[in-house]
Amino acid sequence: MYFFRTIFTFLKNPEYRELLYTTAVILAIGTVAYHFIEGWGIIDSLYFSVVTLTTIGFGDLSPKTDAGKLFTIAYIIMGIGVILHFINTLQNHYKESQQDKRKK
């Protein structure tokens, strides 16, 4: 539940809003691309996009086509910095909100 509250506070803050939108666009690009290139469903495509860009890499899904493999290389180079910046910003925002709670 705290995750969704954090996302809503991101939407209220113009500084964070751009990062949230950029993250959503990066994930949408990967989802659509894998859906069409690999023929996966939308959920599998989104799942693979998140797992790939967060560097988790479970290995349960992997691109089988050359186009999918080439896209994955470009996608990782393009998206990993954005996703990791988003995760780091979430973590920093959480820490700041916890510190604010303690001050009250």
PDB file of N, CA and C in Angstrom:
ATOM      1  N   MET A   1       0.809  -1.187   0.000  1.00  0.00           N
ATOM      2  CA  MET A   1       0.000   0.000   0.000  1.00  0.00           C
ATOM      3  C   MET A   1       0.860   1.262   0.000  1.00  0.00           C
ATOM      4  N   TYR A   2       1.983   1.207   0.699  1.00  0.00           N
ATOM      5  CA  TYR A   2       2.867   2.363   0.754  1.00  0.00           C
ATOM      6  C   TYR A   2       3.406   2.705  -0.630  1.00  0.00           C
ATOM      7  N   PHE A   3       3.642   1.680  -1.456  1.00  0.00           N
ATOM      8  CA  PHE A   3       4.141   1.894  -2.809  1.00  0.00           C
ATOM      9  C   PHE A   3       3.197   2.795  -3.594  1.00  0.00           C
ATOM     10  N   PHE A   4       1.890   2.523  -3.531  1.00  0.00           N
ATOM     11  CA  PHE A   4       0.915   3.314  -4.275  1.00  0.00           C
ATOM     12  C   PHE A   4       0.817   4.736  -3.723  1.00  0.00           C
ATOM     13  N   ARG A   5       0.923   4.883  -2.414  1.00  0.00           N
ATOM     14  CA  ARG A   5       0.929   6.220  -1.819  1.00  0.00           C
ATOM     15  C   ARG A   5       2.137   7.019  -2.319  1.00  0.00           C
ATOM     16  N   THR A   6       3.270   6.337  -2.424  1.00  0.00           N
ATOM     17  CA  THR A   6       4.480   6.988  -2.924  1.00  0.00           C
ATOM     18  C   THR A   6       4.301   7.411  -4.375  1.00  0.00           C
ATOM     19  N   ILE A   7       3.705   6.548  -5.183  1.00  0.00           N
ATOM     20  CA  ILE A   7       3.451   6.888  -6.589  1.00  0.00           C
ATOM     21  C   ILE A   7       2.545   8.117  -6.670  1.00  0.00           C
ATOM     22  N   PHE A   8       1.511   8.186  -5.840  1.00  0.00           N
ATOM     23  CA  PHE A   8       0.615   9.339  -5.854  1.00  0.00           C
ATOM     24  C   PHE A   8       1.336  10.622  -5.428  1.00  0.00           C
ATOM     25  N   THR A   9       2.250  10.522  -4.475  1.00  0.00           N
ATOM     26  CA  THR A   9       3.014  11.717  -4.105  1.00  0.00           C
ATOM     27  C   THR A   9       3.962  12.109  -5.236  1.00  0.00           C
ATOM     28  N   PHE A  10       4.445  11.132  -5.989  1.00  0.00           N
ATOM     29  CA  PHE A  10       5.269  11.429  -7.159  1.00  0.00           C
ATOM     30  C   PHE A  10       4.469  12.228  -8.175  1.00  0.00           C
ATOM     31  N   LEU A  11       3.208  11.875  -8.368  1.00  0.00           N
ATOM     32  CA  LEU A  11       2.374  12.576  -9.335  1.00  0.00           C
ATOM     33  C   LEU A  11       2.121  14.021  -8.930  1.00  0.00           C
ATOM     34  N   LYS A  12       2.101  14.284  -7.641  1.00  0.00           N
ATOM     35  CA  LYS A  12       1.881  15.643  -7.151  1.00  0.00           C
ATOM     36  C   LYS A  12       3.136  16.506  -7.269  1.00  0.00           C
ATOM     37  N   ASN A  13       4.287  15.891  -7.258  1.00  0.00           N
ATOM     38  CA  ASN A  13       5.559  16.610  -7.294  1.00  0.00           C
ATOM     39  C   ASN A  13       6.065  16.692  -8.739  1.00  0.00           C
ATOM     40  N   PRO A  14       6.148  17.895  -9.317  1.00  0.00           N
ATOM     41  CA  PRO A  14       6.582  18.023 -10.715  1.00  0.00           C
ATOM     42  C   PRO A  14       7.972  17.462 -10.978  1.00  0.00           C
ATOM     43  N   GLU A  15       8.839  17.511  -9.981  1.00  0.00           N
ATOM     44  CA  GLU A  15      10.200  16.993 -10.125  1.00  0.00           C
ATOM     45  C   GLU A  15      10.185  15.472 -10.343  1.00  0.00           C
ATOM     46  N   TYR A  16       9.332  14.787  -9.618  1.00  0.00           N
ATOM     47  CA  TYR A  16       9.257  13.335  -9.716  1.00  0.00           C
ATOM     48  C   TYR A  16       8.341  12.874 -10.847  1.00  0.00           C
ATOM     49  N   ARG A  17       7.376  13.701 -11.194  1.00  0.00           N
ATOM     50  CA  ARG A  17       6.383  13.319 -12.205  1.00  0.00           C
ATOM     51  C   ARG A  17       7.052  12.956 -13.534  1.00  0.00           C
ATOM     52  N   GLU A  18       8.021  13.745 -13.949  1.00  0.00           N
ATOM     53  CA  GLU A  18       8.712  13.474 -15.210  1.00  0.00           C
ATOM     54  C   GLU A  18       9.428  12.124 -15.169  1.00  0.00           C
ATOM     55  N   LEU A  19      10.056  11.806 -14.054  1.00  0.00           N
ATOM     56  CA  LEU A  19      10.730  10.520 -13.911  1.00  0.00           C
ATOM     57  C   LEU A  19       9.733   9.368 -13.946  1.00  0.00           C
ATOM     58  N   LEU A  20       8.599   9.549 -13.312  1.00  0.00           N
ATOM     59  CA  LEU A  20       7.558   8.518 -13.319  1.00  0.00           C
ATOM     60  C   LEU A  20       7.039   8.285 -14.732  1.00  0.00           C
ATOM     61  N   TYR A  21       6.781   9.362 -15.460  1.00  0.00           N
ATOM     62  CA  TYR A  21       6.300   9.233 -16.840  1.00  0.00           C
ATOM     63  C   TYR A  21       7.360   8.590 -17.736  1.00  0.00           C
ATOM     64  N   THR A  22       8.610   8.983 -17.572  1.00  0.00           N
ATOM     65  CA  THR A  22       9.687   8.396 -18.369  1.00  0.00           C
ATOM     66  C   THR A  22       9.800   6.900 -18.110  1.00  0.00           C
ATOM     67  N   THR A  23       9.697   6.507 -16.857  1.00  0.00           N
ATOM     68  CA  THR A  23       9.748   5.095 -16.499  1.00  0.00           C
ATOM     69  C   THR A  23       8.587   4.335 -17.131  1.00  0.00           C
ATOM     70  N   ALA A  24       7.396   4.911 -17.074  1.00  0.00           N
ATOM     71  CA  ALA A  24       6.224   4.268 -17.677  1.00  0.00           C
ATOM     72  C   ALA A  24       6.388   4.127 -19.187  1.00  0.00           C
ATOM     73  N   VAL A  25       6.943   5.143 -19.836  1.00  0.00           N
ATOM     74  CA  VAL A  25       7.147   5.082 -21.288  1.00  0.00           C
ATOM     75  C   VAL A  25       8.174   4.013 -21.646  1.00  0.00           C
ATOM     76  N   ILE A  26       9.256   3.941 -20.899  1.00  0.00           N
ATOM     77  CA  ILE A  26      10.290   2.921 -21.159  1.00  0.00           C
ATOM     78  C   ILE A  26       9.693   1.525 -21.024  1.00  0.00           C
ATOM     79  N   LEU A  27       8.916   1.297 -19.975  1.00  0.00           N
ATOM     80  CA  LEU A  27       8.293  -0.018 -19.796  1.00  0.00           C
ATOM     81  C   LEU A  27       7.258  -0.300 -20.881  1.00  0.00           C
ATOM     82  N   ALA A  28       6.522   0.725 -21.306  1.00  0.00           N
ATOM     83  CA  ALA A  28       5.538   0.542 -22.377  1.00  0.00           C
ATOM     84  C   ALA A  28       6.223   0.199 -23.703  1.00  0.00           C
ATOM     85  N   ILE A  29       7.340   0.850 -23.995  1.00  0.00           N
ATOM     86  CA  ILE A  29       8.088   0.544 -25.226  1.00  0.00           C
ATOM     87  C   ILE A  29       8.515  -0.914 -25.225  1.00  0.00           C
ATOM     88  N   GLY A  30       9.077  -1.365 -24.118  1.00  0.00           N
ATOM     89  CA  GLY A  30       9.511  -2.760 -24.032  1.00  0.00           C
ATOM     90  C   GLY A  30       8.341  -3.725 -24.136  1.00  0.00           C
ATOM     91  N   THR A  31       7.258  -3.405 -23.474  1.00  0.00           N
ATOM     92  CA  THR A  31       6.081  -4.276 -23.491  1.00  0.00           C
ATOM     93  C   THR A  31       5.538  -4.435 -24.906  1.00  0.00           C
ATOM     94  N   VAL A  32       5.369  -3.336 -25.597  1.00  0.00           N
ATOM     95  CA  VAL A  32       4.838  -3.377 -26.969  1.00  0.00           C
ATOM     96  C   VAL A  32       5.824  -4.082 -27.906  1.00  0.00           C
ATOM     97  N   ALA A  33       7.089  -3.759 -27.771  1.00  0.00           N
ATOM     98  CA  ALA A  33       8.094  -4.368 -28.653  1.00  0.00           C
ATOM     99  C   ALA A  33       8.155  -5.883 -28.469  1.00  0.00           C
ATOM    100  N   TYR A  34       8.222  -6.352 -27.248  1.00  0.00           N
ATOM    101  CA  TYR A  34       8.283  -7.803 -27.024  1.00  0.00           C
ATOM    102  C   TYR A  34       6.989  -8.490 -27.449  1.00  0.00           C
ATOM    103  N   HIS A  35       5.887  -7.802 -27.286  1.00  0.00           N
ATOM    104  CA  HIS A  35       4.607  -8.367 -27.713  1.00  0.00           C
ATOM    105  C   HIS A  35       4.619  -8.645 -29.215  1.00  0.00           C
ATOM    106  N   PHE A  36       5.129  -7.699 -29.988  1.00  0.00           N
ATOM    107  CA  PHE A  36       5.126  -7.870 -31.437  1.00  0.00           C
ATOM    108  C   PHE A  36       6.330  -8.657 -31.952  1.00  0.00           C
ATOM    109  N   ILE A  37       7.498  -8.441 -31.385  1.00  0.00           N
ATOM    110  CA  ILE A  37       8.703  -9.130 -31.872  1.00  0.00           C
ATOM    111  C   ILE A  37       8.694 -10.601 -31.489  1.00  0.00           C
ATOM    112  N   GLU A  38       8.392 -10.888 -30.235  1.00  0.00           N
ATOM    113  CA  GLU A  38       8.453 -12.267 -29.749  1.00  0.00           C
ATOM    114  C   GLU A  38       7.094 -12.971 -29.756  1.00  0.00           C
ATOM    115  N   GLY A  39       6.022 -12.206 -29.911  1.00  0.00           N
ATOM    116  CA  GLY A  39       4.693 -12.809 -29.915  1.00  0.00           C
ATOM    117  C   GLY A  39       4.180 -13.183 -28.536  1.00  0.00           C
ATOM    118  N   TRP A  40       4.743 -12.574 -27.503  1.00  0.00           N
ATOM    119  CA  TRP A  40       4.314 -12.846 -26.135  1.00  0.00           C
ATOM    120  C   TRP A  40       3.056 -12.051 -25.829  1.00  0.00           C
ATOM    121  N   GLY A  41       2.343 -12.482 -24.799  1.00  0.00           N
ATOM    122  CA  GLY A  41       1.194 -11.726 -24.316  1.00  0.00           C
ATOM    123  C   GLY A  41       1.661 -10.444 -23.649  1.00  0.00           C
ATOM    124  N   ILE A  42       0.726  -9.548 -23.391  1.00  0.00           N
ATOM    125  CA  ILE A  42       1.059  -8.255 -22.791  1.00  0.00           C
ATOM    126  C   ILE A  42       1.661  -8.426 -21.394  1.00  0.00           C
ATOM    127  N   ILE A  43       1.085  -9.311 -20.594  1.00  0.00           N
ATOM    128  CA  ILE A  43       1.592  -9.520 -19.226  1.00  0.00           C
ATOM    129  C   ILE A  43       3.009 -10.093 -19.258  1.00  0.00           C
ATOM    130  N   ASP A  44       3.243 -11.103 -20.101  1.00  0.00           N
ATOM    131  CA  ASP A  44       4.594 -11.663 -20.221  1.00  0.00           C
ATOM    132  C   ASP A  44       5.583 -10.622 -20.715  1.00  0.00           C
ATOM    133  N   SER A  45       5.154  -9.798 -21.646  1.00  0.00           N
ATOM    134  CA  SER A  45       6.031  -8.759 -22.188  1.00  0.00           C
ATOM    135  C   SER A  45       6.387  -7.722 -21.127  1.00  0.00           C
ATOM    136  N   LEU A  46       5.395  -7.284 -20.358  1.00  0.00           N
ATOM    137  CA  LEU A  46       5.651  -6.336 -19.279  1.00  0.00           C
ATOM    138  C   LEU A  46       6.545  -6.965 -18.214  1.00  0.00           C
ATOM    139  N   TYR A  47       6.243  -8.190 -17.853  1.00  0.00           N
ATOM    140  CA  TYR A  47       7.047  -8.929 -16.870  1.00  0.00           C
ATOM    141  C   TYR A  47       8.506  -8.996 -17.315  1.00  0.00           C
ATOM    142  N   PHE A  48       8.732  -9.374 -18.566  1.00  0.00           N
ATOM    143  CA  PHE A  48      10.103  -9.493 -19.059  1.00  0.00           C
ATOM    144  C   PHE A  48      10.792  -8.130 -19.076  1.00  0.00           C
ATOM    145  N   SER A  49      10.069  -7.080 -19.431  1.00  0.00           N
ATOM    146  CA  SER A  49      10.643  -5.736 -19.441  1.00  0.00           C
ATOM    147  C   SER A  49      11.108  -5.332 -18.041  1.00  0.00           C
ATOM    148  N   VAL A  50      10.272  -5.557 -17.044  1.00  0.00           N
ATOM    149  CA  VAL A  50      10.624  -5.206 -15.665  1.00  0.00           C
ATOM    150  C   VAL A  50      11.785  -6.061 -15.172  1.00  0.00           C
ATOM    151  N   VAL A  51      11.721  -7.351 -15.393  1.00  0.00           N
ATOM    152  CA  VAL A  51      12.774  -8.259 -14.927  1.00  0.00           C
ATOM    153  C   VAL A  51      14.113  -7.931 -15.597  1.00  0.00           C
ATOM    154  N   THR A  52      14.067  -7.573 -16.858  1.00  0.00           N
ATOM    155  CA  THR A  52      15.299  -7.244 -17.582  1.00  0.00           C
ATOM    156  C   THR A  52      15.900  -5.935 -17.088  1.00  0.00           C
ATOM    157  N   LEU A  53      15.095  -4.888 -16.991  1.00  0.00           N
ATOM    158  CA  LEU A  53      15.637  -3.579 -16.635  1.00  0.00           C
ATOM    159  C   LEU A  53      15.991  -3.440 -15.159  1.00  0.00           C
ATOM    160  N   THR A  54      15.424  -4.264 -14.324  1.00  0.00           N
ATOM    161  CA  THR A  54      15.821  -4.236 -12.914  1.00  0.00           C
ATOM    162  C   THR A  54      17.000  -5.169 -12.660  1.00  0.00           C
ATOM    163  N   THR A  55      17.500  -5.775 -13.686  1.00  0.00           N
ATOM    164  CA  THR A  55      18.651  -6.696 -13.687  1.00  0.00           C
ATOM    165  C   THR A  55      18.412  -7.955 -12.860  1.00  0.00           C
ATOM    166  N   ILE A  56      17.167  -8.313 -12.656  1.00  0.00           N
ATOM    167  CA  ILE A  56      16.857  -9.535 -11.927  1.00  0.00           C
ATOM    168  C   ILE A  56      17.160 -10.741 -12.801  1.00  0.00           C
ATOM    169  N   GLY A  57      16.603 -10.772 -14.013  1.00  0.00           N
ATOM    170  CA  GLY A  57      16.915 -11.805 -14.986  1.00  0.00           C
ATOM    171  C   GLY A  57      16.667 -13.225 -14.513  1.00  0.00           C
ATOM    172  N   PHE A  58      15.427 -13.587 -14.226  1.00  0.00           N
ATOM    173  CA  PHE A  58      15.107 -14.940 -13.762  1.00  0.00           C
ATOM    174  C   PHE A  58      15.468 -16.001 -14.787  1.00  0.00           C
ATOM    175  N   GLY A  59      15.337 -15.699 -16.069  1.00  0.00           N
ATOM    176  CA  GLY A  59      15.663 -16.666 -17.107  1.00  0.00           C
ATOM    177  C   GLY A  59      14.489 -17.515 -17.550  1.00  0.00           C
ATOM    178  N   ASP A  60      13.308 -17.290 -16.976  1.00  0.00           N
ATOM    179  CA  ASP A  60      12.143 -18.077 -17.379  1.00  0.00           C
ATOM    180  C   ASP A  60      11.648 -17.677 -18.768  1.00  0.00           C
ATOM    181  N   LEU A  61      11.863 -16.434 -19.158  1.00  0.00           N
ATOM    182  CA  LEU A  61      11.573 -15.973 -20.510  1.00  0.00           C
ATOM    183  C   LEU A  61      12.865 -15.421 -21.091  1.00  0.00           C
ATOM    184  N   SER A  62      13.037 -15.613 -22.387  1.00  0.00           N
ATOM    185  CA  SER A  62      14.167 -14.995 -23.074  1.00  0.00           C
ATOM    186  C   SER A  62      13.818 -14.868 -24.547  1.00  0.00           C
ATOM    187  N   PRO A  63      14.356 -13.836 -25.189  1.00  0.00           N
ATOM    188  CA  PRO A  63      14.067 -13.647 -26.607  1.00  0.00           C
ATOM    189  C   PRO A  63      14.604 -14.811 -27.435  1.00  0.00           C
ATOM    190  N   LYS A  64      13.820 -15.265 -28.379  1.00  0.00           N
ATOM    191  CA  LYS A  64      14.226 -16.378 -29.243  1.00  0.00           C
ATOM    192  C   LYS A  64      14.629 -15.907 -30.635  1.00  0.00           C
ATOM    193  N   THR A  65      14.101 -14.753 -31.051  1.00  0.00           N
ATOM    194  CA  THR A  65      14.396 -14.255 -32.390  1.00  0.00           C
ATOM    195  C   THR A  65      15.626 -13.345 -32.353  1.00  0.00           C
ATOM    196  N   ASP A  66      16.294 -13.228 -33.501  1.00  0.00           N
ATOM    197  CA  ASP A  66      17.432 -12.305 -33.581  1.00  0.00           C
ATOM    198  C   ASP A  66      16.985 -10.872 -33.342  1.00  0.00           C
ATOM    199  N   ALA A  67      15.820 -10.508 -33.877  1.00  0.00           N
ATOM    200  CA  ALA A  67      15.300  -9.155 -33.656  1.00  0.00           C
ATOM    201  C   ALA A  67      15.051  -8.909 -32.173  1.00  0.00           C
ATOM    202  N   GLY A  68      14.511  -9.903 -31.483  1.00  0.00           N
ATOM    203  CA  GLY A  68      14.265  -9.777 -30.054  1.00  0.00           C
ATOM    204  C   GLY A  68      15.551  -9.630 -29.263  1.00  0.00           C
ATOM    205  N   LYS A  69      16.564 -10.372 -29.653  1.00  0.00           N
ATOM    206  CA  LYS A  69      17.855 -10.285 -28.965  1.00  0.00           C
ATOM    207  C   LYS A  69      18.506  -8.924 -29.193  1.00  0.00           C
ATOM    208  N   LEU A  70      18.457  -8.432 -30.431  1.00  0.00           N
ATOM    209  CA  LEU A  70      19.026  -7.111 -30.732  1.00  0.00           C
ATOM    210  C   LEU A  70      18.254  -6.006 -30.022  1.00  0.00           C
ATOM    211  N   PHE A  71      16.929  -6.134 -29.995  1.00  0.00           N
ATOM    212  CA  PHE A  71      16.131  -5.144 -29.274  1.00  0.00           C
ATOM    213  C   PHE A  71      16.493  -5.159 -27.793  1.00  0.00           C
ATOM    214  N   THR A  72      16.678  -6.335 -27.225  1.00  0.00           N
ATOM    215  CA  THR A  72      17.001  -6.441 -25.801  1.00  0.00           C
ATOM    216  C   THR A  72      18.311  -5.733 -25.485  1.00  0.00           C
ATOM    217  N   ILE A  73      19.300  -5.882 -26.348  1.00  0.00           N
ATOM    218  CA  ILE A  73      20.576  -5.189 -26.140  1.00  0.00           C
ATOM    219  C   ILE A  73      20.352  -3.678 -26.092  1.00  0.00           C
ATOM    220  N   ALA A  74      19.654  -3.163 -27.085  1.00  0.00           N
ATOM    221  CA  ALA A  74      19.392  -1.714 -27.129  1.00  0.00           C
ATOM    222  C   ALA A  74      18.513  -1.280 -25.958  1.00  0.00           C
ATOM    223  N   TYR A  75      17.539  -2.097 -25.615  1.00  0.00           N
ATOM    224  CA  TYR A  75      16.598  -1.777 -24.538  1.00  0.00           C
ATOM    225  C   TYR A  75      17.313  -1.683 -23.195  1.00  0.00           C
ATOM    226  N   ILE A  76      18.222  -2.587 -22.943  1.00  0.00           N
ATOM    227  CA  ILE A  76      18.975  -2.552 -21.688  1.00  0.00           C
ATOM    228  C   ILE A  76      19.829  -1.291 -21.626  1.00  0.00           C
ATOM    229  N   ILE A  77      20.527  -0.987 -22.713  1.00  0.00           N
ATOM    230  CA  ILE A  77      21.381   0.206 -22.734  1.00  0.00           C
ATOM    231  C   ILE A  77      20.542   1.471 -22.537  1.00  0.00           C
ATOM    232  N   MET A  78      19.385   1.509 -23.173  1.00  0.00           N
ATOM    233  CA  MET A  78      18.518   2.679 -23.109  1.00  0.00           C
ATOM    234  C   MET A  78      17.812   2.793 -21.756  1.00  0.00           C
ATOM    235  N   GLY A  79      17.361   1.689 -21.205  1.00  0.00           N
ATOM    236  CA  GLY A  79      16.445   1.747 -20.075  1.00  0.00           C
ATOM    237  C   GLY A  79      16.997   1.498 -18.699  1.00  0.00           C
ATOM    238  N   ILE A  80      18.125   0.859 -18.575  1.00  0.00           N
ATOM    239  CA  ILE A  80      18.583   0.465 -17.237  1.00  0.00           C
ATOM    240  C   ILE A  80      18.869   1.675 -16.355  1.00  0.00           C
ATOM    241  N   GLY A  81      19.445   2.716 -16.913  1.00  0.00           N
ATOM    242  CA  GLY A  81      19.724   3.920 -16.123  1.00  0.00           C
ATOM    243  C   GLY A  81      18.454   4.582 -15.615  1.00  0.00           C
ATOM    244  N   VAL A  82      17.441   4.629 -16.464  1.00  0.00           N
ATOM    245  CA  VAL A  82      16.171   5.246 -16.074  1.00  0.00           C
ATOM    246  C   VAL A  82      15.521   4.454 -14.944  1.00  0.00           C
ATOM    247  N   ILE A  83      15.469   3.134 -15.103  1.00  0.00           N
ATOM    248  CA  ILE A  83      14.818   2.294 -14.090  1.00  0.00           C
ATOM    249  C   ILE A  83      15.576   2.353 -12.764  1.00  0.00           C
ATOM    250  N   LEU A  84      16.890   2.259 -12.824  1.00  0.00           N
ATOM    251  CA  LEU A  84      17.663   2.309 -11.583  1.00  0.00           C
ATOM    252  C   LEU A  84      17.558   3.684 -10.915  1.00  0.00           C
ATOM    253  N   HIS A  85      17.499   4.747 -11.709  1.00  0.00           N
ATOM    254  CA  HIS A  85      17.295   6.092 -11.152  1.00  0.00           C
ATOM    255  C   HIS A  85      15.928   6.174 -10.478  1.00  0.00           C
ATOM    256  N   PHE A  86      14.916   5.592 -11.103  1.00  0.00           N
ATOM    257  CA  PHE A  86      13.567   5.576 -10.530  1.00  0.00           C
ATOM    258  C   PHE A  86      13.557   4.823  -9.194  1.00  0.00           C
ATOM    259  N   ILE A  87      14.174   3.664  -9.149  1.00  0.00           N
ATOM    260  CA  ILE A  87      14.223   2.872  -7.914  1.00  0.00           C
ATOM    261  C   ILE A  87      14.988   3.629  -6.827  1.00  0.00           C
ATOM    262  N   ASN A  88      16.096   4.249  -7.189  1.00  0.00           N
ATOM    263  CA  ASN A  88      16.879   5.015  -6.225  1.00  0.00           C
ATOM    264  C   ASN A  88      16.078   6.211  -5.695  1.00  0.00           C
ATOM    265  N   THR A  89      15.357   6.872  -6.580  1.00  0.00           N
ATOM    266  CA  THR A  89      14.535   8.005  -6.168  1.00  0.00           C
ATOM    267  C   THR A  89      13.413   7.561  -5.232  1.00  0.00           C
ATOM    268  N   LEU A  90      12.791   6.421  -5.537  1.00  0.00           N
ATOM    269  CA  LEU A  90      11.774   5.874  -4.635  1.00  0.00           C
ATOM    270  C   LEU A  90      12.351   5.616  -3.248  1.00  0.00           C
ATOM    271  N   GLN A  91      13.526   5.017  -3.206  1.00  0.00           N
ATOM    272  CA  GLN A  91      14.167   4.692  -1.942  1.00  0.00           C
ATOM    273  C   GLN A  91      14.495   5.965  -1.160  1.00  0.00           C
ATOM    274  N   ASN A  92      15.025   6.967  -1.840  1.00  0.00           N
ATOM    275  CA  ASN A  92      15.346   8.240  -1.177  1.00  0.00           C
ATOM    276  C   ASN A  92      14.086   8.941  -0.676  1.00  0.00           C
ATOM    277  N   HIS A  93      13.038   8.900  -1.479  1.00  0.00           N
ATOM    278  CA  HIS A  93      11.764   9.500  -1.083  1.00  0.00           C
ATOM    279  C   HIS A  93      11.211   8.797   0.165  1.00  0.00           C
ATOM    280  N   TYR A  94      11.324   7.481   0.198  1.00  0.00           N
ATOM    281  CA  TYR A  94      10.870   6.709   1.365  1.00  0.00           C
ATOM    282  C   TYR A  94      11.661   7.110   2.607  1.00  0.00           C
ATOM    283  N   LYS A  95      12.984   7.202   2.464  1.00  0.00           N
ATOM    284  CA  LYS A  95      13.816   7.595   3.607  1.00  0.00           C
ATOM    285  C   LYS A  95      13.447   8.980   4.111  1.00  0.00           C
ATOM    286  N   GLU A  96      13.258   9.917   3.196  1.00  0.00           N
ATOM    287  CA  GLU A  96      12.899  11.283   3.597  1.00  0.00           C
ATOM    288  C   GLU A  96      11.551  11.322   4.304  1.00  0.00           C
ATOM    289  N   SER A  97      10.595  10.557   3.804  1.00  0.00           N
ATOM    290  CA  SER A  97       9.271  10.561   4.446  1.00  0.00           C
ATOM    291  C   SER A  97       9.333   9.912   5.824  1.00  0.00           C
ATOM    292  N   GLN A  98      10.177   8.912   6.000  1.00  0.00           N
ATOM    293  CA  GLN A  98      10.344   8.294   7.319  1.00  0.00           C
ATOM    294  C   GLN A  98      10.989   9.265   8.292  1.00  0.00           C
ATOM    295  N   GLN A  99      11.960  10.031   7.803  1.00  0.00           N
ATOM    296  CA  GLN A  99      12.609  11.027   8.656  1.00  0.00           C
ATOM    297  C   GLN A  99      11.625  12.125   9.045  1.00  0.00           C
ATOM    298  N   ASP A 100      10.765  12.515   8.105  1.00  0.00           N
ATOM    299  CA  ASP A 100       9.753  13.530   8.404  1.00  0.00           C
ATOM    300  C   ASP A 100       8.757  13.022   9.459  1.00  0.00           C
ATOM    301  N   LYS A 101       8.407  11.757   9.391  1.00  0.00           N
ATOM    302  CA  LYS A 101       7.495  11.182  10.384  1.00  0.00           C
ATOM    303  C   LYS A 101       8.105  11.185  11.770  1.00  0.00           C
ATOM    304  N   ARG A 102       9.407  10.913  11.841  1.00  0.00           N
ATOM    305  CA  ARG A 102      10.082  10.873  13.130  1.00  0.00           C
ATOM    306  C   ARG A 102      10.173  12.254  13.763  1.00  0.00           C
ATOM    307  N   LYS A 103      10.282  13.283  12.926  1.00  0.00           N
ATOM    308  CA  LYS A 103      10.370  14.647  13.433  1.00  0.00           C
ATOM    309  C   LYS A 103       9.059  15.128  14.032  1.00  0.00           C
ATOM    310  N   LYS A 104       7.970  14.572  13.570  1.00  0.00           N
ATOM    311  CA  LYS A 104       6.649  15.021  14.046  1.00  0.00           C
ATOM    312  C   LYS A 104       6.328  14.500  15.408  1.00  0.00           C
TER     313      LYS A 104
END
